[in-house]
Amino acid sequence: MSAPSPRFDILGIGNAIVDVVAAVEEGFITHHDLHKGAMSLIEADDADRLYAAMPPGLESSGGSVANSCAVAAQLGARVAYIGKVAADQLGDVFRHDIQAAGVHFPTSALVGGAPTARCLIAVTPDGQRTMNTFLGACTQLGVDAIDADLVANAAVTYLEGYLFDPPHAQQAFYRAAEIAHHAGRKVALSLSDAFCVHRHRAAFRDLVAGHVDILFANETEITALYETNSWAEAAAHAAADVNIAVLTRGPDGSTVLRGYERFDVLSLATDVVDTTGAGDAYAAGFLAAHTAGRSLFEAGALGSAAAVLAIAQYGARPAREKLRRLFTGV
């Protein structure tokens, strides 16, 4: 017997972070000894100092999967999100912002603990984004935050690899996957970052092979997961481990694999303003199309088009009007 129709198309579980995006000159990166193009974890004092040094920027609810959820909702998907913020001003900013994007966000705020997380994103003139993240309240998300009814009523539960560091968050992932599969739903995972993969390769391999239906990864992440320098070899491993592997390759486009099926999607040319959220937007487009019953090629094409909109502007979320036109046109 098939599962009843879900209330939501996508349920995201990830790090609830307030993004601060600002344009800087190249000298800002070297002056503050930042690792250009990478994501670095920082402590509260460093976050305060860097925030004070940054020029005025855009502030919005963020985190990789939260960005995907917001974009997917603006594409017309029915979306919910689980993530932990604190009962503070930035927590209120996050809650208001993601709900305004059309995302259902029922997770209670953390009281008396760490402050809400923030990601300070410095964008240089070449479009590269350098991220420095203070995780704060994010690290407190555990099994108790997993709403079983919400998971069971989402067609796809989408897990964020960045959240995989704390052991209690890993337990939350396994619990969410168990609930989703028991309800006849799908589980998707973004590997998020090659550094995350290197830290937790064995655990990621177990999660991917036994509990994930749809895997999102870029070239460096997928080769790190399978410990090979060959993209083709890593892609073959991924196709054997999951039902659908969605592998992005930057300007070389993306490849969607399902068993022996392969769909190559060309990257659309555009002027790069800010690469922040390109992968997040791709996942949003793909999942919005996939849960709407589109073909895998169409899902990849919509993901690619959404990513192009993201990198042609500052910030991770293209305008709602552009996204809706994109979805109805694919």
C-alpha atoms as a PDB file:
ATOM      1  CA  MET A   1       0.000   0.000   0.000  1.00  0.00           C
ATOM      2  CA  SER A   2       1.411   3.396  -0.974  1.00  0.00           C
ATOM      3  CA  ALA A   3       1.999   6.136   1.596  1.00  0.00           C
ATOM      4  CA  PRO A   4      -0.681   8.852   1.916  1.00  0.00           C
ATOM      5  CA  SER A   5      -0.040  12.158   0.178  1.00  0.00           C
ATOM      6  CA  PRO A   6       2.468  14.220   2.174  1.00  0.00           C
ATOM      7  CA  ARG A   7       1.697  17.610   3.676  1.00  0.00           C
ATOM      8  CA  PHE A   8       5.117  18.918   2.616  1.00  0.00           C
ATOM      9  CA  ASP A   9       7.294  18.316  -0.437  1.00  0.00           C
ATOM     10  CA  ILE A  10      10.547  19.023   1.406  1.00  0.00           C
ATOM     11  CA  LEU A  11      11.568  19.056   5.055  1.00  0.00           C
ATOM     12  CA  GLY A  12      15.035  20.474   5.658  1.00  0.00           C
ATOM     13  CA  ILE A  13      17.119  19.717   8.752  1.00  0.00           C
ATOM     14  CA  GLY A  14      20.241  21.804   9.201  1.00  0.00           C
ATOM     15  CA  ASN A  15      22.211  24.577  10.855  1.00  0.00           C
ATOM     16  CA  ALA A  16      19.966  27.602  11.457  1.00  0.00           C
ATOM     17  CA  ILE A  17      22.309  30.513  10.815  1.00  0.00           C
ATOM     18  CA  VAL A  18      21.909  34.222  10.162  1.00  0.00           C
ATOM     19  CA  ASP A  19      23.969  35.043   7.070  1.00  0.00           C
ATOM     20  CA  VAL A  20      25.773  38.374   6.816  1.00  0.00           C
ATOM     21  CA  VAL A  21      27.022  38.937   3.242  1.00  0.00           C
ATOM     22  CA  ALA A  22      29.251  41.915   2.387  1.00  0.00           C
ATOM     23  CA  ALA A  23      31.397  42.919  -0.569  1.00  0.00           C
ATOM     24  CA  VAL A  24      35.055  43.422   0.389  1.00  0.00           C
ATOM     25  CA  GLU A  25      38.339  44.154  -1.337  1.00  0.00           C
ATOM     26  CA  GLU A  26      40.982  41.431  -1.666  1.00  0.00           C
ATOM     27  CA  GLY A  27      43.044  43.087   1.056  1.00  0.00           C
ATOM     28  CA  PHE A  28      40.318  42.414   3.622  1.00  0.00           C
ATOM     29  CA  ILE A  29      40.926  38.673   3.261  1.00  0.00           C
ATOM     30  CA  THR A  30      44.683  38.887   3.794  1.00  0.00           C
ATOM     31  CA  HIS A  31      44.454  41.517   6.546  1.00  0.00           C
ATOM     32  CA  HIS A  32      42.192  39.295   8.642  1.00  0.00           C
ATOM     33  CA  ASP A  33      44.071  36.094   7.707  1.00  0.00           C
ATOM     34  CA  LEU A  34      40.961  34.461   6.253  1.00  0.00           C
ATOM     35  CA  HIS A  35      41.008  31.263   4.194  1.00  0.00           C
ATOM     36  CA  LYS A  36      39.729  32.504   0.855  1.00  0.00           C
ATOM     37  CA  GLY A  37      36.957  30.474  -0.736  1.00  0.00           C
ATOM     38  CA  ALA A  38      36.550  28.192   2.273  1.00  0.00           C
ATOM     39  CA  MET A  39      34.257  27.872   5.269  1.00  0.00           C
ATOM     40  CA  SER A  40      36.004  28.210   8.631  1.00  0.00           C
ATOM     41  CA  LEU A  41      34.511  27.719  12.082  1.00  0.00           C
ATOM     42  CA  ILE A  42      35.241  30.546  14.531  1.00  0.00           C
ATOM     43  CA  GLU A  43      34.520  31.320  18.183  1.00  0.00           C
ATOM     44  CA  ALA A  44      32.188  34.005  19.519  1.00  0.00           C
ATOM     45  CA  ASP A  45      34.921  36.621  20.151  1.00  0.00           C
ATOM     46  CA  ASP A  46      36.315  36.219  16.620  1.00  0.00           C
ATOM     47  CA  ALA A  47      32.808  36.498  15.198  1.00  0.00           C
ATOM     48  CA  ASP A  48      32.262  39.766  17.067  1.00  0.00           C
ATOM     49  CA  ARG A  49      35.560  41.233  15.837  1.00  0.00           C
ATOM     50  CA  LEU A  50      35.045  40.205  12.216  1.00  0.00           C
ATOM     51  CA  TYR A  51      31.448  41.434  12.190  1.00  0.00           C
ATOM     52  CA  ALA A  52      32.599  44.836  13.475  1.00  0.00           C
ATOM     53  CA  ALA A  53      35.242  45.054  10.717  1.00  0.00           C
ATOM     54  CA  MET A  54      32.939  44.116   7.824  1.00  0.00           C
ATOM     55  CA  PRO A  55      31.273  46.822   5.712  1.00  0.00           C
ATOM     56  CA  PRO A  56      27.468  47.000   5.679  1.00  0.00           C
ATOM     57  CA  GLY A  57      25.902  43.924   4.077  1.00  0.00           C
ATOM     58  CA  LEU A  58      22.792  41.829   3.649  1.00  0.00           C
ATOM     59  CA  GLU A  59      21.461  39.942   6.674  1.00  0.00           C
ATOM     60  CA  SER A  60      19.040  37.043   6.287  1.00  0.00           C
ATOM     61  CA  SER A  61      18.184  33.617   7.613  1.00  0.00           C
ATOM     62  CA  GLY A  62      20.762  31.217   6.282  1.00  0.00           C
ATOM     63  CA  GLY A  63      22.558  27.946   6.609  1.00  0.00           C
ATOM     64  CA  SER A  64      22.924  25.693   3.594  1.00  0.00           C
ATOM     65  CA  VAL A  65      19.711  23.679   3.833  1.00  0.00           C
ATOM     66  CA  ALA A  66      17.763  26.665   5.180  1.00  0.00           C
ATOM     67  CA  ASN A  67      18.756  28.503   1.983  1.00  0.00           C
ATOM     68  CA  SER A  68      17.605  25.531  -0.088  1.00  0.00           C
ATOM     69  CA  CYS A  69      14.302  25.480   1.772  1.00  0.00           C
ATOM     70  CA  ALA A  70      13.693  29.191   1.207  1.00  0.00           C
ATOM     71  CA  VAL A  71      14.483  28.940  -2.515  1.00  0.00           C
ATOM     72  CA  ALA A  72      12.354  25.809  -2.931  1.00  0.00           C
ATOM     73  CA  ALA A  73       9.416  27.518  -1.207  1.00  0.00           C
ATOM     74  CA  GLN A  74       9.734  30.478  -3.543  1.00  0.00           C
ATOM     75  CA  LEU A  75       9.705  28.037  -6.461  1.00  0.00           C
ATOM     76  CA  GLY A  76       6.304  26.900  -5.216  1.00  0.00           C
ATOM     77  CA  ALA A  77       7.212  23.790  -3.205  1.00  0.00           C
ATOM     78  CA  ARG A  78       5.596  23.111   0.172  1.00  0.00           C
ATOM     79  CA  VAL A  79       8.507  23.326   2.593  1.00  0.00           C
ATOM     80  CA  ALA A  80       9.232  22.938   6.312  1.00  0.00           C
ATOM     81  CA  TYR A  81      12.468  23.311   8.261  1.00  0.00           C
ATOM     82  CA  ILE A  82      13.972  22.046  11.518  1.00  0.00           C
ATOM     83  CA  GLY A  83      16.914  23.975  12.974  1.00  0.00           C
ATOM     84  CA  LYS A  84      17.892  25.422  16.359  1.00  0.00           C
ATOM     85  CA  VAL A  85      18.116  29.158  17.073  1.00  0.00           C
ATOM     86  CA  ALA A  86      18.371  30.935  20.410  1.00  0.00           C
ATOM     87  CA  ALA A  87      15.762  33.141  22.038  1.00  0.00           C
ATOM     88  CA  ASP A  88      17.605  36.317  21.020  1.00  0.00           C
ATOM     89  CA  GLN A  89      17.490  39.074  18.420  1.00  0.00           C
ATOM     90  CA  LEU A  90      19.230  37.110  15.673  1.00  0.00           C
ATOM     91  CA  GLY A  91      16.994  34.132  16.446  1.00  0.00           C
ATOM     92  CA  ASP A  92      13.979  36.383  15.869  1.00  0.00           C
ATOM     93  CA  VAL A  93      15.548  37.590  12.605  1.00  0.00           C
ATOM     94  CA  PHE A  94      16.000  34.011  11.433  1.00  0.00           C
ATOM     95  CA  ARG A  95      12.460  32.947  12.351  1.00  0.00           C
ATOM     96  CA  HIS A  96      10.789  35.960  10.752  1.00  0.00           C
ATOM     97  CA  ASP A  97      12.894  35.761   7.608  1.00  0.00           C
ATOM     98  CA  ILE A  98      12.453  32.056   6.848  1.00  0.00           C
ATOM     99  CA  GLN A  99       8.737  32.182   7.587  1.00  0.00           C
ATOM    100  CA  ALA A 100       8.409  35.209   5.295  1.00  0.00           C
ATOM    101  CA  ALA A 101       9.975  33.065   2.559  1.00  0.00           C
ATOM    102  CA  GLY A 102       7.068  30.646   2.932  1.00  0.00           C
ATOM    103  CA  VAL A 103       8.788  27.970   5.051  1.00  0.00           C
ATOM    104  CA  HIS A 104       7.046  26.324   8.008  1.00  0.00           C
ATOM    105  CA  PHE A 105       9.452  26.610  10.980  1.00  0.00           C
ATOM    106  CA  PRO A 106       8.058  25.082  14.202  1.00  0.00           C
ATOM    107  CA  THR A 107      11.312  24.402  16.119  1.00  0.00           C
ATOM    108  CA  SER A 108      11.337  25.967  19.594  1.00  0.00           C
ATOM    109  CA  ALA A 109      14.098  28.452  20.485  1.00  0.00           C
ATOM    110  CA  LEU A 110      16.972  27.597  22.816  1.00  0.00           C
ATOM    111  CA  VAL A 111      16.667  29.472  26.129  1.00  0.00           C
ATOM    112  CA  GLY A 112      19.659  30.215  28.339  1.00  0.00           C
ATOM    113  CA  GLY A 113      22.316  28.642  26.126  1.00  0.00           C
ATOM    114  CA  ALA A 114      24.562  29.716  23.264  1.00  0.00           C
ATOM    115  CA  PRO A 115      23.444  32.617  21.034  1.00  0.00           C
ATOM    116  CA  THR A 116      22.065  32.171  17.538  1.00  0.00           C
ATOM    117  CA  ALA A 117      24.653  31.177  14.946  1.00  0.00           C
ATOM    118  CA  ARG A 118      25.894  33.582  12.325  1.00  0.00           C
ATOM    119  CA  CYS A 119      27.929  33.181   9.121  1.00  0.00           C
ATOM    120  CA  LEU A 120      30.036  36.144   8.069  1.00  0.00           C
ATOM    121  CA  ILE A 121      30.509  35.983   4.299  1.00  0.00           C
ATOM    122  CA  ALA A 122      33.107  38.195   2.640  1.00  0.00           C
ATOM    123  CA  VAL A 123      32.727  38.396  -1.144  1.00  0.00           C
ATOM    124  CA  THR A 124      35.763  39.565  -3.148  1.00  0.00           C
ATOM    125  CA  PRO A 125      35.555  41.214  -6.593  1.00  0.00           C
ATOM    126  CA  ASP A 126      36.171  37.849  -8.317  1.00  0.00           C
ATOM    127  CA  GLY A 127      32.905  36.517  -6.857  1.00  0.00           C
ATOM    128  CA  GLN A 128      34.561  34.127  -4.406  1.00  0.00           C
ATOM    129  CA  ARG A 129      32.919  33.893  -0.984  1.00  0.00           C
ATOM    130  CA  THR A 130      34.899  33.357   2.185  1.00  0.00           C
ATOM    131  CA  MET A 131      32.737  32.138   5.060  1.00  0.00           C
ATOM    132  CA  ASN A 132      33.482  32.353   8.768  1.00  0.00           C
ATOM    133  CA  THR A 133      30.877  30.678  10.921  1.00  0.00           C
ATOM    134  CA  PHE A 134      30.083  30.777  14.612  1.00  0.00           C
ATOM    135  CA  LEU A 135      27.708  27.854  15.188  1.00  0.00           C
ATOM    136  CA  GLY A 136      26.329  28.800  18.586  1.00  0.00           C
ATOM    137  CA  ALA A 137      22.855  27.383  19.203  1.00  0.00           C
ATOM    138  CA  CYS A 138      23.081  25.199  16.055  1.00  0.00           C
ATOM    139  CA  THR A 139      25.124  22.617  17.895  1.00  0.00           C
ATOM    140  CA  GLN A 140      22.283  21.950  20.336  1.00  0.00           C
ATOM    141  CA  LEU A 141      20.011  20.300  17.779  1.00  0.00           C
ATOM    142  CA  GLY A 142      19.470  16.665  18.703  1.00  0.00           C
ATOM    143  CA  VAL A 143      16.998  13.804  18.507  1.00  0.00           C
ATOM    144  CA  ASP A 144      14.467  15.682  20.636  1.00  0.00           C
ATOM    145  CA  ALA A 145      14.124  18.315  17.883  1.00  0.00           C
ATOM    146  CA  ILE A 146      13.028  15.730  15.300  1.00  0.00           C
ATOM    147  CA  ASP A 147       9.269  16.047  14.900  1.00  0.00           C
ATOM    148  CA  ALA A 148       8.222  12.534  13.859  1.00  0.00           C
ATOM    149  CA  ASP A 149       4.884  13.667  12.438  1.00  0.00           C
ATOM    150  CA  LEU A 150       6.585  16.366  10.384  1.00  0.00           C
ATOM    151  CA  VAL A 151       9.163  13.926   8.964  1.00  0.00           C
ATOM    152  CA  ALA A 152       6.464  11.366   8.137  1.00  0.00           C
ATOM    153  CA  ASN A 153       4.519  14.030   6.276  1.00  0.00           C
ATOM    154  CA  ALA A 154       7.344  15.224   4.011  1.00  0.00           C
ATOM    155  CA  ALA A 155       8.006  13.616   0.630  1.00  0.00           C
ATOM    156  CA  VAL A 156      11.747  14.228   1.062  1.00  0.00           C
ATOM    157  CA  THR A 157      13.671  14.949   4.264  1.00  0.00           C
ATOM    158  CA  TYR A 158      16.822  16.858   3.300  1.00  0.00           C
ATOM    159  CA  LEU A 159      19.805  16.612   5.674  1.00  0.00           C
ATOM    160  CA  GLU A 160      22.718  19.066   5.841  1.00  0.00           C
ATOM    161  CA  GLY A 161      26.238  17.639   6.045  1.00  0.00           C
ATOM    162  CA  TYR A 162      27.487  20.738   7.903  1.00  0.00           C
ATOM    163  CA  LEU A 163      25.329  19.627  10.858  1.00  0.00           C
ATOM    164  CA  PHE A 164      27.090  16.264  11.098  1.00  0.00           C
ATOM    165  CA  ASP A 165      29.830  17.282  13.570  1.00  0.00           C
ATOM    166  CA  PRO A 166      28.103  16.860  16.969  1.00  0.00           C
ATOM    167  CA  PRO A 167      27.314  13.201  17.866  1.00  0.00           C
ATOM    168  CA  HIS A 168      23.772  14.122  18.941  1.00  0.00           C
ATOM    169  CA  ALA A 169      23.150  15.668  15.524  1.00  0.00           C
ATOM    170  CA  GLN A 170      24.284  12.439  13.861  1.00  0.00           C
ATOM    171  CA  GLN A 171      21.790  10.571  16.021  1.00  0.00           C
ATOM    172  CA  ALA A 172      19.117  13.021  14.873  1.00  0.00           C
ATOM    173  CA  PHE A 173      19.967  12.232  11.234  1.00  0.00           C
ATOM    174  CA  TYR A 174      19.590   8.498  11.749  1.00  0.00           C
ATOM    175  CA  ARG A 175      16.332   8.995  13.635  1.00  0.00           C
ATOM    176  CA  ALA A 176      14.912  11.232  10.893  1.00  0.00           C
ATOM    177  CA  ALA A 177      15.924   8.715   8.199  1.00  0.00           C
ATOM    178  CA  GLU A 178      14.300   5.885  10.144  1.00  0.00           C
ATOM    179  CA  ILE A 179      11.023   7.792  10.492  1.00  0.00           C
ATOM    180  CA  ALA A 180      11.033   8.885   6.843  1.00  0.00           C
ATOM    181  CA  HIS A 181      11.605   5.404   5.459  1.00  0.00           C
ATOM    182  CA  HIS A 182       9.065   3.839   7.826  1.00  0.00           C
ATOM    183  CA  ALA A 183       6.527   6.300   6.389  1.00  0.00           C
ATOM    184  CA  GLY A 184       7.487   5.442   2.800  1.00  0.00           C
ATOM    185  CA  ARG A 185       9.289   8.758   2.225  1.00  0.00           C
ATOM    186  CA  LYS A 186      12.731   9.640   0.824  1.00  0.00           C
ATOM    187  CA  VAL A 187      15.877  10.953   2.488  1.00  0.00           C
ATOM    188  CA  ALA A 188      18.298  13.347   0.780  1.00  0.00           C
ATOM    189  CA  LEU A 189      21.731  14.431   2.011  1.00  0.00           C
ATOM    190  CA  SER A 190      24.105  17.214   1.041  1.00  0.00           C
ATOM    191  CA  LEU A 191      27.747  16.446   1.820  1.00  0.00           C
ATOM    192  CA  SER A 192      28.160  20.239   2.241  1.00  0.00           C
ATOM    193  CA  ASP A 193      31.949  20.498   2.460  1.00  0.00           C
ATOM    194  CA  ALA A 194      34.982  18.318   1.780  1.00  0.00           C
ATOM    195  CA  PHE A 195      36.371  19.165   5.234  1.00  0.00           C
ATOM    196  CA  CYS A 196      33.206  17.710   6.793  1.00  0.00           C
ATOM    197  CA  VAL A 197      33.708  14.569   4.722  1.00  0.00           C
ATOM    198  CA  HIS A 198      37.351  14.186   5.775  1.00  0.00           C
ATOM    199  CA  ARG A 199      36.413  14.520   9.457  1.00  0.00           C
ATOM    200  CA  HIS A 200      33.588  11.973   9.339  1.00  0.00           C
ATOM    201  CA  ARG A 201      34.243   9.828   6.261  1.00  0.00           C
ATOM    202  CA  ALA A 202      33.365   6.465   7.816  1.00  0.00           C
ATOM    203  CA  ALA A 203      30.175   7.789   9.385  1.00  0.00           C
ATOM    204  CA  PHE A 204      29.150   9.523   6.156  1.00  0.00           C
ATOM    205  CA  ARG A 205      29.792   6.334   4.174  1.00  0.00           C
ATOM    206  CA  ASP A 206      27.535   4.411   6.555  1.00  0.00           C
ATOM    207  CA  LEU A 207      24.812   7.046   6.375  1.00  0.00           C
ATOM    208  CA  VAL A 208      24.957   7.307   2.581  1.00  0.00           C
ATOM    209  CA  ALA A 209      24.993   3.579   1.857  1.00  0.00           C
ATOM    210  CA  GLY A 210      22.324   2.582   4.333  1.00  0.00           C
ATOM    211  CA  HIS A 211      20.020   5.530   4.878  1.00  0.00           C
ATOM    212  CA  VAL A 212      20.116   8.007   1.952  1.00  0.00           C
ATOM    213  CA  ASP A 213      18.072   7.924  -1.266  1.00  0.00           C
ATOM    214  CA  ILE A 214      19.275  11.169  -2.927  1.00  0.00           C
ATOM    215  CA  LEU A 215      22.862  12.397  -2.533  1.00  0.00           C
ATOM    216  CA  PHE A 216      24.052  15.921  -3.408  1.00  0.00           C
ATOM    217  CA  ALA A 217      27.807  16.553  -3.697  1.00  0.00           C
ATOM    218  CA  ASN A 218      30.307  18.574  -5.670  1.00  0.00           C
ATOM    219  CA  GLU A 219      33.456  17.141  -7.211  1.00  0.00           C
ATOM    220  CA  THR A 220      35.761  17.648  -4.238  1.00  0.00           C
ATOM    221  CA  GLU A 221      33.193  16.264  -1.790  1.00  0.00           C
ATOM    222  CA  ILE A 222      32.389  13.103  -3.730  1.00  0.00           C
ATOM    223  CA  THR A 223      36.032  12.240  -4.401  1.00  0.00           C
ATOM    224  CA  ALA A 224      36.812  12.828  -0.713  1.00  0.00           C
ATOM    225  CA  LEU A 225      33.967  10.528   0.325  1.00  0.00           C
ATOM    226  CA  TYR A 226      35.264   7.617  -1.755  1.00  0.00           C
ATOM    227  CA  GLU A 227      38.983   8.408  -1.337  1.00  0.00           C
ATOM    228  CA  THR A 228      39.829   8.664  -5.003  1.00  0.00           C
ATOM    229  CA  ASN A 229      41.179  11.332  -7.335  1.00  0.00           C
ATOM    230  CA  SER A 230      38.912  10.089 -10.122  1.00  0.00           C
ATOM    231  CA  TRP A 231      35.541  11.796 -10.453  1.00  0.00           C
ATOM    232  CA  ALA A 232      34.276   8.962 -12.649  1.00  0.00           C
ATOM    233  CA  GLU A 233      35.237   6.352 -10.069  1.00  0.00           C
ATOM    234  CA  ALA A 234      33.625   8.325  -7.244  1.00  0.00           C
ATOM    235  CA  ALA A 235      30.480   8.828  -9.318  1.00  0.00           C
ATOM    236  CA  ALA A 236      30.243   5.083  -9.938  1.00  0.00           C
ATOM    237  CA  HIS A 237      30.504   4.412  -6.206  1.00  0.00           C
ATOM    238  CA  ALA A 238      27.798   6.978  -5.487  1.00  0.00           C
ATOM    239  CA  ALA A 239      25.475   5.486  -8.088  1.00  0.00           C
ATOM    240  CA  ALA A 240      25.900   2.100  -6.423  1.00  0.00           C
ATOM    241  CA  ASP A 241      25.221   3.447  -2.926  1.00  0.00           C
ATOM    242  CA  VAL A 242      22.124   5.607  -3.476  1.00  0.00           C
ATOM    243  CA  ASN A 243      19.089   5.642  -5.722  1.00  0.00           C
ATOM    244  CA  ILE A 244      19.864   9.091  -7.141  1.00  0.00           C
ATOM    245  CA  ALA A 245      23.272  10.817  -7.100  1.00  0.00           C
ATOM    246  CA  VAL A 246      23.307  14.508  -8.011  1.00  0.00           C
ATOM    247  CA  LEU A 247      26.874  15.628  -8.674  1.00  0.00           C
ATOM    248  CA  THR A 248      27.696  19.257  -9.447  1.00  0.00           C
ATOM    249  CA  ARG A 249      30.907  20.326 -11.195  1.00  0.00           C
ATOM    250  CA  GLY A 250      30.792  24.134 -11.236  1.00  0.00           C
ATOM    251  CA  PRO A 251      31.324  25.527 -14.767  1.00  0.00           C
ATOM    252  CA  ASP A 252      31.341  21.963 -16.119  1.00  0.00           C
ATOM    253  CA  GLY A 253      27.670  21.560 -15.217  1.00  0.00           C
ATOM    254  CA  SER A 254      26.216  18.639 -13.310  1.00  0.00           C
ATOM    255  CA  THR A 255      25.478  14.951 -13.677  1.00  0.00           C
ATOM    256  CA  VAL A 256      22.467  13.070 -12.300  1.00  0.00           C
ATOM    257  CA  LEU A 257      22.865   9.309 -11.906  1.00  0.00           C
ATOM    258  CA  ARG A 258      20.212   6.683 -11.225  1.00  0.00           C
ATOM    259  CA  GLY A 259      21.516   3.149 -11.582  1.00  0.00           C
ATOM    260  CA  TYR A 260      22.767   2.860 -15.161  1.00  0.00           C
ATOM    261  CA  GLU A 261      20.963   6.041 -16.228  1.00  0.00           C
ATOM    262  CA  ARG A 262      23.026   9.198 -16.622  1.00  0.00           C
ATOM    263  CA  PHE A 263      21.807  12.728 -17.316  1.00  0.00           C
ATOM    264  CA  ASP A 264      24.367  15.450 -18.027  1.00  0.00           C
ATOM    265  CA  VAL A 265      23.245  19.051 -17.541  1.00  0.00           C
ATOM    266  CA  LEU A 266      25.289  21.887 -19.010  1.00  0.00           C
ATOM    267  CA  SER A 267      26.111  24.901 -16.884  1.00  0.00           C
ATOM    268  CA  LEU A 268      24.478  28.116 -18.090  1.00  0.00           C
ATOM    269  CA  ALA A 269      26.897  30.968 -18.722  1.00  0.00           C
ATOM    270  CA  THR A 270      26.572  34.083 -16.565  1.00  0.00           C
ATOM    271  CA  ASP A 271      28.671  36.782 -14.963  1.00  0.00           C
ATOM    272  CA  VAL A 272      29.635  35.613 -11.487  1.00  0.00           C
ATOM    273  CA  VAL A 273      28.874  38.180  -8.789  1.00  0.00           C
ATOM    274  CA  ASP A 274      28.801  35.982  -5.688  1.00  0.00           C
ATOM    275  CA  THR A 275      29.041  32.183  -5.523  1.00  0.00           C
ATOM    276  CA  THR A 276      27.324  32.080  -2.102  1.00  0.00           C
ATOM    277  CA  GLY A 277      24.504  29.550  -2.131  1.00  0.00           C
ATOM    278  CA  ALA A 278      24.992  28.207  -5.646  1.00  0.00           C
ATOM    279  CA  GLY A 279      24.857  24.598  -4.454  1.00  0.00           C
ATOM    280  CA  ASP A 280      21.966  25.423  -2.124  1.00  0.00           C
ATOM    281  CA  ALA A 281      19.943  26.886  -4.980  1.00  0.00           C
ATOM    282  CA  TYR A 282      20.772  23.904  -7.190  1.00  0.00           C
ATOM    283  CA  ALA A 283      19.462  21.473  -4.563  1.00  0.00           C
ATOM    284  CA  ALA A 284      16.335  23.591  -4.136  1.00  0.00           C
ATOM    285  CA  GLY A 285      15.581  23.565  -7.838  1.00  0.00           C
ATOM    286  CA  PHE A 286      16.265  19.866  -8.140  1.00  0.00           C
ATOM    287  CA  LEU A 287      14.106  18.864  -5.168  1.00  0.00           C
ATOM    288  CA  ALA A 288      11.268  21.215  -6.105  1.00  0.00           C
ATOM    289  CA  ALA A 289      11.143  19.688  -9.576  1.00  0.00           C
ATOM    290  CA  HIS A 290      11.653  16.104  -8.385  1.00  0.00           C
ATOM    291  CA  THR A 291       8.852  16.271  -5.819  1.00  0.00           C
ATOM    292  CA  ALA A 292       6.608  17.848  -8.455  1.00  0.00           C
ATOM    293  CA  GLY A 293       7.066  14.782 -10.645  1.00  0.00           C
ATOM    294  CA  ARG A 294       9.469  16.262 -13.207  1.00  0.00           C
ATOM    295  CA  SER A 295      12.061  14.019 -14.909  1.00  0.00           C
ATOM    296  CA  LEU A 296      15.575  13.782 -13.513  1.00  0.00           C
ATOM    297  CA  PHE A 297      16.932  15.770 -16.435  1.00  0.00           C
ATOM    298  CA  GLU A 298      14.351  18.510 -15.861  1.00  0.00           C
ATOM    299  CA  ALA A 299      15.185  18.511 -12.165  1.00  0.00           C
ATOM    300  CA  GLY A 300      18.875  18.927 -12.954  1.00  0.00           C
ATOM    301  CA  ALA A 301      18.122  21.676 -15.466  1.00  0.00           C
ATOM    302  CA  LEU A 302      16.009  23.583 -12.944  1.00  0.00           C
ATOM    303  CA  GLY A 303      18.711  23.148 -10.327  1.00  0.00           C
ATOM    304  CA  SER A 304      21.317  24.528 -12.709  1.00  0.00           C
ATOM    305  CA  ALA A 305      19.128  27.484 -13.675  1.00  0.00           C
ATOM    306  CA  ALA A 306      18.420  28.315 -10.023  1.00  0.00           C
ATOM    307  CA  ALA A 307      22.155  28.187  -9.267  1.00  0.00           C
ATOM    308  CA  VAL A 308      22.829  30.625 -12.116  1.00  0.00           C
ATOM    309  CA  LEU A 309      20.322  33.074 -10.642  1.00  0.00           C
ATOM    310  CA  ALA A 310      22.045  32.745  -7.261  1.00  0.00           C
ATOM    311  CA  ILE A 311      25.565  33.501  -8.499  1.00  0.00           C
ATOM    312  CA  ALA A 312      24.421  36.484 -10.587  1.00  0.00           C
ATOM    313  CA  GLN A 313      23.624  38.497  -7.419  1.00  0.00           C
ATOM    314  CA  TYR A 314      24.772  39.055  -3.852  1.00  0.00           C
ATOM    315  CA  GLY A 315      23.306  36.637  -1.322  1.00  0.00           C
ATOM    316  CA  ALA A 316      22.079  33.068  -1.567  1.00  0.00           C
ATOM    317  CA  ARG A 317      18.441  33.614  -2.525  1.00  0.00           C
ATOM    318  CA  PRO A 318      17.320  34.923  -5.921  1.00  0.00           C
ATOM    319  CA  ALA A 319      14.206  37.086  -6.139  1.00  0.00           C
ATOM    320  CA  ARG A 320      10.905  35.222  -5.812  1.00  0.00           C
ATOM    321  CA  GLU A 321       9.591  36.531  -9.142  1.00  0.00           C
ATOM    322  CA  LYS A 322      12.627  35.236 -11.048  1.00  0.00           C
ATOM    323  CA  LEU A 323      12.379  31.842  -9.373  1.00  0.00           C
ATOM    324  CA  ARG A 324       8.676  31.399 -10.082  1.00  0.00           C
ATOM    325  CA  ARG A 325       9.157  32.298 -13.747  1.00  0.00           C
ATOM    326  CA  LEU A 326      12.009  29.791 -13.844  1.00  0.00           C
ATOM    327  CA  PHE A 327       9.905  26.951 -12.429  1.00  0.00           C
ATOM    328  CA  THR A 328       6.941  27.492 -14.721  1.00  0.00           C
ATOM    329  CA  GLY A 329       9.265  27.702 -17.730  1.00  0.00           C
ATOM    330  CA  VAL A 330      11.112  24.397 -17.251  1.00  0.00           C
END
